[in-house]
Amino acid sequence: MVVCLACTPGASSAQQAVHDDVALFTQYMSAEWIGAIVYHGADPADDPRWHLSGARTREEYRRWCRHACGMACLQMVLDHRDGQAPPLLELVHGCRTYGGYVEDDSGQIKGLYYDPFAAYARAEHGLHADVHPHLAAAEIPQLLADGHLVIASVDKEIRRPDLPAPGRGGHLVLITGHDHGEFRLHNPSGHTADARQASLPVAVFASYFAGRGIAVRTH
């Protein structure tokens, strides 16, 4: 459900649109382990809940979980529509069949590639998914008001927004709302509860934002 308050056509900065009841999914199965994994070198394979990812082995989980932020965002979208979502690794491997992830000759994982991902989301999950290769932060409120959730490319350090942004892009978060000049977002690799479900001023978000993303509608 989208609650749209003061939605003024042509004035996106004045829009407040919030998608209620979007559940949080993380790319690591134990949220309390995220800080240790991303900042202290903990091995994801030691995550005691690794099997909930749908991985067949700890090694498979270790190999893919760091690359699965986009699939965690997809889980959130699907759960918002259906009340449930497939396991993380099931989505990873489904997306691979569309070319969303590519492994080079050395075995290095490349992706997530947006166009194949959008094709996968449309064909296999019945979602309306549109790639926006050039997207301004100021355009996102209108997408939210129109009923979209927005998967946005940001620097991973958006989880510590009190620090200057070290870059833009490379990690995906799900924007679930815009309210009084702040974006509400779910971060699949947030290391604290506040980082996982954050509210950030648009200007702060923009300093981490790569200017691209995928707008997704469930109907």
C-alpha atoms as a PDB file:
ATOM      1  CA  MET A   1       0.000   0.000   0.000  1.00  0.00           C
ATOM      2  CA  VAL A   2       1.254   3.482  -0.866  1.00  0.00           C
ATOM      3  CA  VAL A   3       0.234   6.372   1.327  1.00  0.00           C
ATOM      4  CA  CYS A   4       0.688   9.592  -0.649  1.00  0.00           C
ATOM      5  CA  LEU A   5       0.525  12.870   1.240  1.00  0.00           C
ATOM      6  CA  ALA A   6       0.683  16.292  -0.397  1.00  0.00           C
ATOM      7  CA  CYS A   7       1.557  14.851  -3.798  1.00  0.00           C
ATOM      8  CA  THR A   8       1.801  17.912  -6.021  1.00  0.00           C
ATOM      9  CA  PRO A   9       2.223  17.248  -9.766  1.00  0.00           C
ATOM     10  CA  GLY A  10       5.441  18.742 -11.087  1.00  0.00           C
ATOM     11  CA  ALA A  11       6.808  19.452  -7.616  1.00  0.00           C
ATOM     12  CA  SER A  12       8.547  16.274  -6.578  1.00  0.00           C
ATOM     13  CA  SER A  13      10.322  17.901  -3.641  1.00  0.00           C
ATOM     14  CA  ALA A  14       6.893  18.426  -2.021  1.00  0.00           C
ATOM     15  CA  GLN A  15       5.799  14.822  -2.282  1.00  0.00           C
ATOM     16  CA  GLN A  16       5.511  12.445   0.626  1.00  0.00           C
ATOM     17  CA  ALA A  17       4.850   8.865  -0.436  1.00  0.00           C
ATOM     18  CA  VAL A  18       5.500   5.903   1.802  1.00  0.00           C
ATOM     19  CA  HIS A  19       5.111   2.194   1.074  1.00  0.00           C
ATOM     20  CA  ASP A  20       3.854   0.704   4.322  1.00  0.00           C
ATOM     21  CA  ASP A  21       4.796  -2.684   5.706  1.00  0.00           C
ATOM     22  CA  VAL A  22       7.813  -3.524   3.538  1.00  0.00           C
ATOM     23  CA  ALA A  23       9.672  -6.223   5.446  1.00  0.00           C
ATOM     24  CA  LEU A  24      13.441  -6.106   5.725  1.00  0.00           C
ATOM     25  CA  PHE A  25      15.568  -8.821   4.114  1.00  0.00           C
ATOM     26  CA  THR A  26      19.355  -8.855   4.410  1.00  0.00           C
ATOM     27  CA  GLN A  27      21.936 -10.412   2.136  1.00  0.00           C
ATOM     28  CA  TYR A  28      23.512 -12.088   5.175  1.00  0.00           C
ATOM     29  CA  MET A  29      21.225 -14.460   7.004  1.00  0.00           C
ATOM     30  CA  SER A  30      22.219 -13.351  10.511  1.00  0.00           C
ATOM     31  CA  ALA A  31      21.759  -9.603  10.775  1.00  0.00           C
ATOM     32  CA  GLU A  32      23.783  -9.493  13.976  1.00  0.00           C
ATOM     33  CA  TRP A  33      26.790 -10.844  12.046  1.00  0.00           C
ATOM     34  CA  ILE A  34      26.818  -8.090   9.433  1.00  0.00           C
ATOM     35  CA  GLY A  35      29.081  -5.712  11.325  1.00  0.00           C
ATOM     36  CA  ALA A  36      31.646  -8.431  11.923  1.00  0.00           C
ATOM     37  CA  ILE A  37      31.552  -9.498   8.262  1.00  0.00           C
ATOM     38  CA  VAL A  38      31.742  -6.074   6.635  1.00  0.00           C
ATOM     39  CA  TYR A  39      34.090  -4.343   9.083  1.00  0.00           C
ATOM     40  CA  HIS A  40      36.065  -7.000  10.931  1.00  0.00           C
ATOM     41  CA  GLY A  41      36.800  -9.709   8.373  1.00  0.00           C
ATOM     42  CA  ALA A  42      34.490 -12.388   9.738  1.00  0.00           C
ATOM     43  CA  ASP A  43      33.889 -15.274   7.346  1.00  0.00           C
ATOM     44  CA  PRO A  44      30.299 -15.321   6.076  1.00  0.00           C
ATOM     45  CA  ALA A  45      30.499 -19.110   5.940  1.00  0.00           C
ATOM     46  CA  ASP A  46      30.541 -19.108   9.740  1.00  0.00           C
ATOM     47  CA  ASP A  47      27.105 -17.468   9.786  1.00  0.00           C
ATOM     48  CA  PRO A  48      25.041 -19.991  11.772  1.00  0.00           C
ATOM     49  CA  ARG A  49      21.970 -19.329   9.620  1.00  0.00           C
ATOM     50  CA  TRP A  50      23.715 -19.663   6.260  1.00  0.00           C
ATOM     51  CA  HIS A  51      21.404 -22.509   5.205  1.00  0.00           C
ATOM     52  CA  LEU A  52      18.370 -20.175   5.256  1.00  0.00           C
ATOM     53  CA  SER A  53      19.806 -18.554   2.122  1.00  0.00           C
ATOM     54  CA  GLY A  54      18.975 -21.647   0.082  1.00  0.00           C
ATOM     55  CA  ALA A  55      22.670 -22.317  -0.509  1.00  0.00           C
ATOM     56  CA  ARG A  56      23.614 -25.973  -0.737  1.00  0.00           C
ATOM     57  CA  THR A  57      26.924 -25.489   1.070  1.00  0.00           C
ATOM     58  CA  ARG A  58      28.658 -22.943   3.244  1.00  0.00           C
ATOM     59  CA  GLU A  59      31.062 -22.295   0.400  1.00  0.00           C
ATOM     60  CA  GLU A  60      28.242 -21.463  -1.980  1.00  0.00           C
ATOM     61  CA  TYR A  61      26.866 -19.026   0.580  1.00  0.00           C
ATOM     62  CA  ARG A  62      30.284 -17.456   1.136  1.00  0.00           C
ATOM     63  CA  ARG A  63      30.766 -17.027  -2.612  1.00  0.00           C
ATOM     64  CA  TRP A  64      27.465 -15.340  -3.385  1.00  0.00           C
ATOM     65  CA  CYS A  65      26.176 -13.487  -0.320  1.00  0.00           C
ATOM     66  CA  ARG A  66      28.465 -10.486  -0.804  1.00  0.00           C
ATOM     67  CA  HIS A  67      27.009 -10.009  -4.299  1.00  0.00           C
ATOM     68  CA  ALA A  68      23.361 -10.526  -3.371  1.00  0.00           C
ATOM     69  CA  CYS A  69      22.196  -7.071  -2.241  1.00  0.00           C
ATOM     70  CA  GLY A  70      20.009  -6.765  -5.334  1.00  0.00           C
ATOM     71  CA  MET A  71      18.426 -10.144  -4.679  1.00  0.00           C
ATOM     72  CA  ALA A  72      17.684  -9.153  -1.087  1.00  0.00           C
ATOM     73  CA  CYS A  73      15.947  -6.061  -2.488  1.00  0.00           C
ATOM     74  CA  LEU A  74      13.977  -8.330  -4.801  1.00  0.00           C
ATOM     75  CA  GLN A  75      12.990 -10.483  -1.825  1.00  0.00           C
ATOM     76  CA  MET A  76      11.587  -7.392  -0.130  1.00  0.00           C
ATOM     77  CA  VAL A  77       9.538  -6.467  -3.188  1.00  0.00           C
ATOM     78  CA  LEU A  78       8.168  -9.984  -3.615  1.00  0.00           C
ATOM     79  CA  ASP A  79       7.370 -10.355   0.063  1.00  0.00           C
ATOM     80  CA  HIS A  80       5.576  -6.999  -0.030  1.00  0.00           C
ATOM     81  CA  ARG A  81       3.375  -8.344  -2.831  1.00  0.00           C
ATOM     82  CA  ASP A  82       2.976 -11.990  -1.868  1.00  0.00           C
ATOM     83  CA  GLY A  83       3.660 -12.193   1.858  1.00  0.00           C
ATOM     84  CA  GLN A  84       6.626 -14.451   1.141  1.00  0.00           C
ATOM     85  CA  ALA A  85       9.723 -14.580  -1.027  1.00  0.00           C
ATOM     86  CA  PRO A  86      11.975 -17.290  -2.491  1.00  0.00           C
ATOM     87  CA  PRO A  87      15.318 -17.952  -0.788  1.00  0.00           C
ATOM     88  CA  LEU A  88      18.179 -15.609  -1.638  1.00  0.00           C
ATOM     89  CA  LEU A  89      20.250 -18.111  -3.591  1.00  0.00           C
ATOM     90  CA  GLU A  90      17.252 -19.287  -5.589  1.00  0.00           C
ATOM     91  CA  LEU A  91      16.876 -15.722  -6.835  1.00  0.00           C
ATOM     92  CA  VAL A  92      20.610 -15.389  -7.480  1.00  0.00           C
ATOM     93  CA  HIS A  93      20.692 -18.459  -9.681  1.00  0.00           C
ATOM     94  CA  GLY A  94      17.447 -17.541 -11.415  1.00  0.00           C
ATOM     95  CA  CYS A  95      18.870 -14.133 -12.255  1.00  0.00           C
ATOM     96  CA  ARG A  96      22.078 -15.753 -13.509  1.00  0.00           C
ATOM     97  CA  THR A  97      20.127 -17.580 -16.198  1.00  0.00           C
ATOM     98  CA  TYR A  98      19.140 -14.172 -17.618  1.00  0.00           C
ATOM     99  CA  GLY A  99      22.703 -12.843 -17.502  1.00  0.00           C
ATOM    100  CA  GLY A 100      22.217 -10.727 -14.407  1.00  0.00           C
ATOM    101  CA  TYR A 101      25.435 -12.137 -12.973  1.00  0.00           C
ATOM    102  CA  VAL A 102      28.421 -13.238 -15.067  1.00  0.00           C
ATOM    103  CA  GLU A 103      31.512 -15.150 -13.981  1.00  0.00           C
ATOM    104  CA  ASP A 104      34.689 -14.367 -15.898  1.00  0.00           C
ATOM    105  CA  ASP A 105      37.435 -16.833 -16.793  1.00  0.00           C
ATOM    106  CA  SER A 106      39.063 -16.381 -13.398  1.00  0.00           C
ATOM    107  CA  GLY A 107      35.786 -17.125 -11.615  1.00  0.00           C
ATOM    108  CA  GLN A 108      35.241 -13.535 -10.507  1.00  0.00           C
ATOM    109  CA  ILE A 109      31.581 -12.565 -10.225  1.00  0.00           C
ATOM    110  CA  LYS A 110      30.464  -9.558 -12.256  1.00  0.00           C
ATOM    111  CA  GLY A 111      27.109  -7.848 -11.793  1.00  0.00           C
ATOM    112  CA  LEU A 112      24.330  -7.228 -10.944  1.00  0.00           C
ATOM    113  CA  TYR A 113      23.534  -6.088 -14.526  1.00  0.00           C
ATOM    114  CA  TYR A 114      20.349  -4.069 -14.534  1.00  0.00           C
ATOM    115  CA  ASP A 115      18.763  -4.897 -17.887  1.00  0.00           C
ATOM    116  CA  PRO A 116      18.989  -8.697 -17.454  1.00  0.00           C
ATOM    117  CA  PHE A 117      17.809  -8.336 -13.871  1.00  0.00           C
ATOM    118  CA  ALA A 118      14.775  -6.337 -14.975  1.00  0.00           C
ATOM    119  CA  ALA A 119      14.018  -8.928 -17.661  1.00  0.00           C
ATOM    120  CA  TYR A 120      14.222 -11.663 -15.027  1.00  0.00           C
ATOM    121  CA  ALA A 121      11.951  -9.756 -12.624  1.00  0.00           C
ATOM    122  CA  ARG A 122       9.376  -9.239 -15.361  1.00  0.00           C
ATOM    123  CA  ALA A 123       9.436 -12.709 -16.910  1.00  0.00           C
ATOM    124  CA  GLU A 124       9.785 -14.899 -13.830  1.00  0.00           C
ATOM    125  CA  HIS A 125       8.077 -12.828 -11.138  1.00  0.00           C
ATOM    126  CA  GLY A 126       5.511 -10.740 -13.005  1.00  0.00           C
ATOM    127  CA  LEU A 127       6.889  -7.437 -11.785  1.00  0.00           C
ATOM    128  CA  HIS A 128       6.923  -4.152 -13.664  1.00  0.00           C
ATOM    129  CA  ALA A 129      10.629  -3.302 -13.620  1.00  0.00           C
ATOM    130  CA  ASP A 130      12.119  -0.312 -15.446  1.00  0.00           C
ATOM    131  CA  VAL A 131      15.816   0.488 -15.559  1.00  0.00           C
ATOM    132  CA  HIS A 132      16.753   4.130 -15.018  1.00  0.00           C
ATOM    133  CA  PRO A 133      20.409   4.550 -16.080  1.00  0.00           C
ATOM    134  CA  HIS A 134      20.210   8.280 -15.423  1.00  0.00           C
ATOM    135  CA  LEU A 135      18.161   9.034 -12.338  1.00  0.00           C
ATOM    136  CA  ALA A 136      18.333  12.144 -10.189  1.00  0.00           C
ATOM    137  CA  ALA A 137      17.571  11.876  -6.487  1.00  0.00           C
ATOM    138  CA  ALA A 138      14.943  14.575  -7.023  1.00  0.00           C
ATOM    139  CA  GLU A 139      13.068  12.271  -9.428  1.00  0.00           C
ATOM    140  CA  ILE A 140      12.686   9.432  -6.937  1.00  0.00           C
ATOM    141  CA  PRO A 141       9.773  10.916  -4.937  1.00  0.00           C
ATOM    142  CA  GLN A 142       7.599  10.941  -8.056  1.00  0.00           C
ATOM    143  CA  LEU A 143       8.394   7.284  -8.748  1.00  0.00           C
ATOM    144  CA  LEU A 144       7.399   6.445  -5.181  1.00  0.00           C
ATOM    145  CA  ALA A 145       4.206   8.469  -5.482  1.00  0.00           C
ATOM    146  CA  ASP A 146       3.378   6.592  -8.688  1.00  0.00           C
ATOM    147  CA  GLY A 147       3.481   3.307  -6.771  1.00  0.00           C
ATOM    148  CA  HIS A 148       7.052   2.174  -7.388  1.00  0.00           C
ATOM    149  CA  LEU A 149       9.661   0.888  -5.019  1.00  0.00           C
ATOM    150  CA  VAL A 150      13.124   1.998  -6.117  1.00  0.00           C
ATOM    151  CA  ILE A 151      16.252  -0.147  -6.053  1.00  0.00           C
ATOM    152  CA  ALA A 152      19.035   2.437  -5.973  1.00  0.00           C
ATOM    153  CA  SER A 153      22.780   2.200  -6.510  1.00  0.00           C
ATOM    154  CA  VAL A 154      24.698   3.758  -3.620  1.00  0.00           C
ATOM    155  CA  ASP A 155      28.066   3.467  -1.964  1.00  0.00           C
ATOM    156  CA  LYS A 156      28.043   0.718   0.656  1.00  0.00           C
ATOM    157  CA  GLU A 157      29.112   3.195   3.318  1.00  0.00           C
ATOM    158  CA  ILE A 158      25.658   4.729   3.266  1.00  0.00           C
ATOM    159  CA  ARG A 159      25.229   2.602   6.372  1.00  0.00           C
ATOM    160  CA  ARG A 160      27.415   5.195   8.184  1.00  0.00           C
ATOM    161  CA  PRO A 161      25.895   8.444   6.874  1.00  0.00           C
ATOM    162  CA  ASP A 162      27.559  10.540   9.567  1.00  0.00           C
ATOM    163  CA  LEU A 163      30.829  10.053   7.627  1.00  0.00           C
ATOM    164  CA  PRO A 164      31.614  11.666   4.253  1.00  0.00           C
ATOM    165  CA  ALA A 165      30.661   9.494   1.302  1.00  0.00           C
ATOM    166  CA  PRO A 166      33.795   7.749  -0.027  1.00  0.00           C
ATOM    167  CA  GLY A 167      32.195   7.147  -3.438  1.00  0.00           C
ATOM    168  CA  ARG A 168      28.975   6.539  -5.305  1.00  0.00           C
ATOM    169  CA  GLY A 169      27.475   3.219  -6.369  1.00  0.00           C
ATOM    170  CA  GLY A 170      28.453  -0.418  -6.049  1.00  0.00           C
ATOM    171  CA  HIS A 171      25.736  -1.433  -3.577  1.00  0.00           C
ATOM    172  CA  LEU A 172      21.942  -1.637  -3.826  1.00  0.00           C
ATOM    173  CA  VAL A 173      19.312  -0.497  -1.338  1.00  0.00           C
ATOM    174  CA  LEU A 174      15.532  -0.385  -1.545  1.00  0.00           C
ATOM    175  CA  ILE A 175      13.908   3.025  -1.188  1.00  0.00           C
ATOM    176  CA  THR A 176      10.474   2.566   0.358  1.00  0.00           C
ATOM    177  CA  GLY A 177       9.357   6.121   0.939  1.00  0.00           C
ATOM    178  CA  HIS A 178       9.871   9.870   0.907  1.00  0.00           C
ATOM    179  CA  ASP A 179       8.558  11.915   3.779  1.00  0.00           C
ATOM    180  CA  HIS A 180       9.305  15.514   4.773  1.00  0.00           C
ATOM    181  CA  GLY A 181      12.508  15.695   2.746  1.00  0.00           C
ATOM    182  CA  GLU A 182      13.871  12.329   3.823  1.00  0.00           C
ATOM    183  CA  PHE A 183      14.132   9.010   2.044  1.00  0.00           C
ATOM    184  CA  ARG A 184      13.215   5.866   3.910  1.00  0.00           C
ATOM    185  CA  LEU A 185      15.327   2.944   2.802  1.00  0.00           C
ATOM    186  CA  HIS A 186      16.029  -0.692   3.591  1.00  0.00           C
ATOM    187  CA  ASN A 187      19.715  -1.608   3.378  1.00  0.00           C
ATOM    188  CA  PRO A 188      20.503  -5.325   2.906  1.00  0.00           C
ATOM    189  CA  SER A 189      23.960  -4.872   4.446  1.00  0.00           C
ATOM    190  CA  GLY A 190      23.161  -2.462   7.256  1.00  0.00           C
ATOM    191  CA  HIS A 191      25.321  -3.308  10.263  1.00  0.00           C
ATOM    192  CA  THR A 192      22.906  -1.881  12.849  1.00  0.00           C
ATOM    193  CA  ALA A 193      19.137  -1.754  13.110  1.00  0.00           C
ATOM    194  CA  ASP A 194      19.172   1.956  12.254  1.00  0.00           C
ATOM    195  CA  ALA A 195      21.406   1.333   9.240  1.00  0.00           C
ATOM    196  CA  ARG A 196      19.164  -1.463   7.981  1.00  0.00           C
ATOM    197  CA  GLN A 197      16.014   0.651   8.153  1.00  0.00           C
ATOM    198  CA  ALA A 198      17.187   4.206   7.708  1.00  0.00           C
ATOM    199  CA  SER A 199      15.725   7.654   7.131  1.00  0.00           C
ATOM    200  CA  LEU A 200      18.159  10.020   5.435  1.00  0.00           C
ATOM    201  CA  PRO A 201      17.835  13.585   4.205  1.00  0.00           C
ATOM    202  CA  VAL A 202      17.691  13.616   0.422  1.00  0.00           C
ATOM    203  CA  ALA A 203      20.939  15.612   0.223  1.00  0.00           C
ATOM    204  CA  VAL A 204      22.778  13.046   2.361  1.00  0.00           C
ATOM    205  CA  PHE A 205      21.409  10.177   0.294  1.00  0.00           C
ATOM    206  CA  ALA A 206      22.406  11.982  -2.915  1.00  0.00           C
ATOM    207  CA  SER A 207      26.033  12.178  -1.799  1.00  0.00           C
ATOM    208  CA  TYR A 208      26.187   8.347  -1.899  1.00  0.00           C
ATOM    209  CA  PHE A 209      23.884   7.863  -4.889  1.00  0.00           C
ATOM    210  CA  ALA A 210      25.297   6.854  -8.289  1.00  0.00           C
ATOM    211  CA  GLY A 211      22.382   8.328 -10.235  1.00  0.00           C
ATOM    212  CA  ARG A 212      20.946   5.031 -11.453  1.00  0.00           C
ATOM    213  CA  GLY A 213      18.475   2.431 -10.306  1.00  0.00           C
ATOM    214  CA  ILE A 214      15.490   0.232 -11.055  1.00  0.00           C
ATOM    215  CA  ALA A 215      11.881   1.239 -10.421  1.00  0.00           C
ATOM    216  CA  VAL A 216       9.675  -1.737  -9.557  1.00  0.00           C
ATOM    217  CA  ARG A 217       5.915  -2.019  -9.315  1.00  0.00           C
ATOM    218  CA  THR A 218       4.072  -5.079  -8.066  1.00  0.00           C
ATOM    219  CA  HIS A 219       0.866  -4.335 -10.029  1.00  0.00           C
END
